[in-house]
Protein backbone atom coordinates (compact mmCIF):
# COMPACT_ATOMS: atom_id res chain seq x y z
CA MET A 1 -161.60 -24.75 -109.13
CA GLU A 2 -158.97 -22.36 -107.79
CA VAL A 3 -155.35 -23.47 -107.93
CA GLN A 4 -155.18 -23.24 -104.13
CA GLN A 5 -157.79 -26.01 -104.01
CA ILE A 6 -155.54 -28.22 -106.14
CA ILE A 7 -152.09 -27.42 -104.73
CA ASP A 8 -151.30 -27.64 -101.02
CA THR A 9 -150.00 -24.09 -100.89
CA GLU A 10 -149.29 -24.30 -97.17
CA LYS A 11 -146.60 -26.92 -97.85
CA HIS A 12 -145.68 -25.55 -101.27
CA PRO A 13 -146.18 -21.76 -101.46
CA VAL A 14 -145.73 -21.50 -105.22
CA LEU A 15 -146.08 -17.71 -105.25
CA ASP A 16 -143.37 -17.17 -102.63
CA GLN A 17 -140.13 -15.92 -104.13
CA GLU A 18 -137.90 -17.58 -101.52
CA PHE A 19 -139.63 -20.94 -102.03
CA LYS A 20 -139.24 -20.68 -105.80
CA ALA A 21 -135.56 -19.80 -105.47
CA LYS A 22 -135.00 -22.84 -103.24
CA CYS A 23 -136.78 -25.10 -105.74
CA LYS A 24 -134.74 -23.72 -108.63
CA ASP A 25 -131.50 -24.29 -106.74
CA THR A 26 -132.48 -27.90 -106.02
CA LEU A 27 -133.30 -28.59 -109.65
CA ASP A 28 -130.12 -26.89 -110.89
CA GLN A 29 -127.93 -28.83 -108.47
CA ALA A 30 -129.58 -32.27 -108.52
CA GLY A 31 -131.29 -32.37 -111.92
CA VAL A 32 -134.51 -33.39 -110.17
CA LEU A 33 -137.01 -31.61 -107.93
CA ILE A 34 -139.52 -33.64 -105.93
CA LEU A 35 -142.38 -31.84 -104.20
CA ARG A 36 -144.17 -34.49 -102.16
CA GLU A 37 -147.86 -33.99 -101.29
CA PHE A 38 -148.03 -31.20 -103.88
CA LEU A 39 -151.63 -32.04 -104.77
CA ARG A 40 -154.38 -31.89 -102.19
CA ALA A 41 -156.19 -35.15 -101.40
CA PRO A 42 -159.51 -34.17 -103.07
CA ALA A 43 -157.69 -33.29 -106.30
CA ILE A 44 -155.84 -36.63 -106.26
CA ALA A 45 -159.14 -38.47 -105.71
CA THR A 46 -160.82 -36.63 -108.59
CA ILE A 47 -157.94 -37.27 -111.00
CA TYR A 48 -157.79 -40.93 -109.98
CA GLN A 49 -161.50 -41.34 -110.72
CA GLU A 50 -160.98 -39.64 -114.10
CA ALA A 51 -158.19 -42.12 -114.77
CA LEU A 52 -160.49 -45.04 -113.97
CA ASP A 53 -163.25 -43.58 -116.14
CA GLY A 54 -160.87 -43.11 -119.07
CA PHE A 55 -159.10 -46.46 -118.82
CA ASP A 56 -161.11 -48.10 -121.61
CA LYS A 57 -160.10 -45.26 -123.97
CA ALA A 58 -156.36 -45.71 -123.30
CA TYR A 59 -154.05 -46.66 -126.15
CA PHE A 60 -151.69 -49.43 -125.02
CA CYS A 61 -148.54 -50.10 -126.98
CA THR A 62 -145.16 -51.78 -126.67
CA GLN A 63 -142.08 -50.35 -128.34
CA ARG A 64 -138.50 -51.48 -128.72
CA HIS A 65 -136.00 -48.63 -128.91
CA ASN A 66 -132.43 -47.70 -128.04
CA VAL A 67 -131.62 -45.41 -125.12
CA TYR A 68 -130.97 -42.47 -127.46
CA LEU A 69 -134.45 -42.76 -129.05
CA THR A 70 -132.90 -42.78 -132.51
CA GLU A 71 -132.84 -45.08 -135.49
CA ALA A 72 -130.22 -47.84 -135.47
CA ASP A 73 -126.75 -46.94 -136.72
CA PRO A 74 -125.41 -49.76 -138.95
CA SER A 75 -121.83 -48.70 -138.24
CA PHE A 76 -122.26 -50.21 -134.74
CA ALA A 77 -123.07 -53.81 -133.84
CA SER A 78 -126.65 -54.60 -132.87
CA ASP A 79 -125.61 -55.29 -129.25
CA HIS A 80 -123.56 -52.07 -128.98
CA PRO A 81 -125.05 -49.54 -126.50
CA ARG A 82 -125.80 -47.24 -129.44
CA ASN A 83 -128.16 -49.85 -130.93
CA ARG A 84 -129.13 -52.16 -128.08
CA LYS A 85 -132.90 -52.38 -127.73
CA VAL A 86 -134.92 -51.91 -124.56
CA ILE A 87 -138.68 -52.22 -124.12
CA SER A 88 -141.24 -49.57 -123.20
CA SER A 89 -144.87 -50.48 -122.67
CA LYS A 90 -147.71 -48.38 -121.32
CA GLY A 91 -151.21 -47.10 -121.88
CA CYS A 92 -152.09 -43.46 -122.47
CA ILE A 93 -155.12 -41.21 -122.70
CA CYS A 94 -154.58 -37.86 -124.37
CA ASP A 95 -155.44 -34.25 -123.73
CA ASP A 96 -158.69 -34.37 -125.71
CA ILE A 97 -160.09 -37.03 -123.34
CA ILE A 98 -159.22 -35.17 -120.11
CA PRO A 99 -162.50 -33.62 -118.81
CA ALA A 100 -162.91 -29.88 -119.27
CA GLN A 101 -163.29 -29.31 -115.51
CA SER A 102 -160.52 -31.69 -114.46
CA PRO A 103 -158.11 -30.41 -111.81
CA LEU A 104 -155.40 -31.38 -114.30
CA ARG A 105 -156.67 -28.89 -116.85
CA GLN A 106 -157.13 -26.18 -114.22
CA LEU A 107 -153.58 -26.73 -112.98
CA TYR A 108 -152.04 -26.95 -116.46
CA ASN A 109 -153.64 -23.65 -117.55
CA SER A 110 -153.04 -21.80 -114.26
CA GLU A 111 -150.92 -18.70 -114.80
CA ASP A 112 -149.65 -18.97 -111.21
CA PHE A 113 -148.49 -22.54 -111.82
CA LYS A 114 -146.86 -21.68 -115.14
CA PHE A 115 -145.06 -18.71 -113.58
CA PHE A 116 -143.82 -21.02 -110.81
CA LEU A 117 -142.52 -23.48 -113.42
CA CYS A 118 -140.91 -20.75 -115.53
CA THR A 119 -138.99 -19.44 -112.53
CA ILE A 120 -137.68 -22.89 -111.59
CA LEU A 121 -136.87 -23.93 -115.16
CA GLY A 122 -135.35 -20.60 -116.14
CA GLU A 123 -137.78 -20.16 -119.04
CA GLN A 124 -139.44 -16.95 -120.22
CA ALA A 125 -142.80 -18.57 -120.96
CA LEU A 126 -144.47 -21.97 -121.37
CA TYR A 127 -147.05 -22.83 -124.02
CA GLU A 128 -149.45 -25.68 -124.65
CA TYR A 129 -148.97 -27.96 -127.65
CA ALA A 130 -150.64 -26.88 -130.89
CA ASP A 131 -152.16 -30.34 -131.44
CA ARG A 132 -155.13 -31.67 -129.47
CA LEU A 133 -153.39 -34.70 -127.96
CA SER A 134 -150.06 -33.84 -126.42
CA SER A 135 -150.39 -31.25 -123.64
CA ILE A 136 -151.82 -33.41 -120.84
CA ASN A 137 -151.27 -37.18 -120.96
CA LEU A 138 -152.35 -39.72 -118.38
CA HIS A 139 -150.18 -42.86 -118.40
CA TYR A 140 -151.05 -46.33 -117.11
CA ALA A 141 -148.58 -49.13 -116.43
CA LYS A 142 -150.00 -52.54 -115.58
CA PRO A 143 -147.99 -55.38 -113.99
CA GLY A 144 -145.26 -56.41 -116.39
CA GLN A 145 -145.12 -53.03 -118.10
CA GLU A 146 -142.14 -50.67 -117.89
CA LEU A 147 -140.43 -47.67 -119.43
CA GLY A 148 -137.02 -48.73 -120.74
CA TRP A 149 -133.77 -46.86 -120.15
CA HIS A 150 -133.52 -43.71 -122.27
CA PHE A 151 -132.49 -40.07 -122.54
CA ASP A 152 -135.15 -37.42 -123.15
CA ASN A 153 -135.15 -35.23 -126.24
CA SER A 154 -136.66 -32.34 -124.26
CA SER A 155 -134.75 -30.36 -121.64
CA PHE A 156 -137.30 -30.96 -118.88
CA ALA A 157 -140.20 -33.21 -117.89
CA ILE A 158 -143.05 -32.42 -115.48
CA THR A 159 -145.01 -35.29 -113.92
CA LEU A 160 -147.58 -35.95 -111.21
CA MET A 161 -147.90 -39.31 -109.46
CA ILE A 162 -151.56 -40.28 -109.12
CA LYS A 163 -151.35 -43.94 -108.07
CA ALA A 164 -148.20 -45.75 -107.03
CA PRO A 165 -147.94 -49.46 -107.83
CA GLU A 166 -148.06 -51.96 -104.99
CA LYS A 167 -144.68 -53.34 -106.01
CA GLY A 168 -142.01 -52.36 -108.54
CA GLY A 169 -142.44 -49.47 -110.93
CA GLN A 170 -139.86 -47.25 -109.25
CA PHE A 171 -138.22 -44.39 -111.15
CA GLU A 172 -134.48 -44.95 -111.59
CA TYR A 173 -131.86 -42.60 -113.02
CA VAL A 174 -128.17 -41.75 -113.32
CA ASN A 175 -127.33 -38.06 -113.68
CA GLU A 176 -124.81 -36.65 -116.16
CA MET A 177 -124.48 -39.90 -118.10
CA ARG A 178 -123.76 -38.03 -121.35
CA ASN A 179 -123.08 -34.53 -122.65
CA SER A 180 -125.52 -34.01 -125.51
CA GLU A 181 -124.32 -30.46 -126.23
CA LYS A 182 -120.82 -31.76 -126.97
CA GLY A 183 -122.07 -34.90 -128.69
CA GLU A 184 -120.47 -37.15 -126.08
CA MET A 185 -122.70 -40.24 -125.84
CA ASN A 186 -120.68 -42.16 -123.19
CA PHE A 187 -121.23 -45.63 -124.65
CA ASP A 188 -119.19 -47.29 -121.88
CA GLY A 189 -121.31 -45.71 -119.18
CA VAL A 190 -124.53 -46.62 -120.95
CA ARG A 191 -123.33 -50.21 -121.33
CA ALA A 192 -122.68 -50.37 -117.59
CA VAL A 193 -126.19 -49.12 -116.84
CA LEU A 194 -127.82 -51.57 -119.26
CA ASP A 195 -125.79 -54.42 -117.75
CA GLY A 196 -126.72 -53.41 -114.20
CA LYS A 197 -123.10 -52.80 -113.21
CA ILE A 198 -123.33 -49.34 -111.67
CA PRO A 199 -125.58 -48.01 -108.87
CA VAL A 200 -128.60 -45.91 -109.79
CA GLU A 201 -130.69 -43.36 -107.93
CA THR A 202 -134.20 -44.62 -107.10
CA LEU A 203 -137.40 -42.69 -106.42
CA ASN A 204 -140.46 -44.35 -104.91
CA LEU A 205 -143.16 -41.72 -105.22
CA LYS A 206 -146.50 -41.47 -103.44
CA PRO A 207 -149.72 -40.03 -104.93
CA GLY A 208 -149.73 -36.26 -105.19
CA ALA A 209 -145.99 -35.82 -105.80
CA LEU A 210 -144.86 -33.31 -108.43
CA VAL A 211 -141.54 -34.10 -110.11
CA LEU A 212 -139.49 -31.85 -112.38
CA PHE A 213 -136.69 -33.75 -114.06
CA ARG A 214 -133.94 -32.85 -116.50
CA GLY A 215 -133.55 -36.03 -118.51
CA ARG A 216 -131.69 -34.95 -121.64
CA ASP A 217 -128.34 -36.05 -120.19
CA ALA A 218 -129.59 -38.21 -117.31
CA ILE A 219 -130.37 -41.78 -118.34
CA HIS A 220 -133.56 -42.99 -116.65
CA ARG A 221 -136.29 -45.59 -116.66
CA VAL A 222 -139.40 -46.83 -114.87
CA ALA A 223 -138.66 -50.35 -113.62
CA PRO A 224 -141.19 -53.10 -114.43
CA VAL A 225 -144.38 -52.87 -112.41
CA GLU A 226 -144.79 -56.01 -110.32
CA GLY A 227 -148.08 -55.41 -108.53
CA GLY A 228 -151.04 -53.08 -108.99
CA ASN A 229 -151.29 -50.33 -111.59
CA ARG A 230 -149.09 -47.24 -111.81
CA ILE A 231 -150.87 -44.05 -112.90
CA LEU A 232 -148.85 -40.95 -113.78
CA VAL A 233 -149.68 -37.63 -115.43
CA VAL A 234 -147.32 -35.87 -117.82
CA LEU A 235 -147.80 -32.11 -118.15
CA ALA A 236 -146.09 -31.19 -121.41
CA TYR A 237 -145.24 -27.60 -122.32
CA ASN A 238 -143.25 -25.95 -125.10
CA THR A 239 -141.00 -22.93 -124.72
CA GLU A 240 -142.33 -21.48 -127.99
CA PRO A 241 -145.94 -21.13 -129.21
CA GLY A 242 -147.54 -23.05 -132.05
CA ILE A 243 -145.54 -26.28 -131.80
CA ALA A 244 -147.25 -29.64 -132.33
CA LEU A 245 -145.86 -33.08 -131.59
CA SER A 246 -144.75 -34.68 -134.85
CA VAL A 247 -147.14 -36.83 -136.85
CA SER A 248 -144.93 -39.89 -136.41
CA ALA A 249 -144.65 -39.40 -132.64
CA ARG A 250 -148.41 -38.97 -132.23
CA GLN A 251 -149.09 -42.08 -134.28
CA THR A 252 -146.50 -44.06 -132.31
CA PHE A 253 -147.43 -42.98 -128.78
CA PHE A 254 -151.15 -42.25 -129.11
CA GLY A 255 -152.25 -44.47 -132.00
CA ARG A 256 -153.95 -41.55 -133.73
CA LEU A 257 -153.33 -38.00 -134.96
CA GLY A 258 -156.22 -36.14 -133.40
């Protein structure tokens, strides 16, 4: 399948230099780029069917973690923003279960798509993960499941919405909540977010949307799903070759090592 059969290149001309420059400017300024109707309808339908077919192979788990995704620090109280626990719960099928001819795999490996991403992200090159599980992940969230408030460890995230929930499950975020480079964790701001005392940006995405998000310093979550299932794809790349997700992370998120 050619990438033009997967991406609506009339709406999103990924090889056009002016379009790429506009996308990069949006991401640099807002910390998020949303390209709605990025996937063509047949590609969405195929991926959705693959998600249904793979559902019984998904690993479902629930985790309690702090927003910094770190171990607890005993020098702070348990209810301090540094240590306060939130809940994340979801199901996931991994790269090795994604069919060989899936539009997801064709898109992920497309040199045109990777060049488009590199231009927007300001990276020299993007590489797949060295392990068999981490490059393409398909996430399910059933009613009652959510992704708790957190900061990402990576500098960018790339996702595709495949099925929006009927109710709830919206993506929420607050930009520039901390400055990780300077080690400024902004505990007061995080407390206000966890207590629901400051406004947040909200995205309600429809199937086929591509989202690039810089979440290292932007606190974000997926609100609890209240109706229907939410199905999302994560396309994970590294900026250097030969890197695998850690053994502990694979065991935690996928329930297996390979």
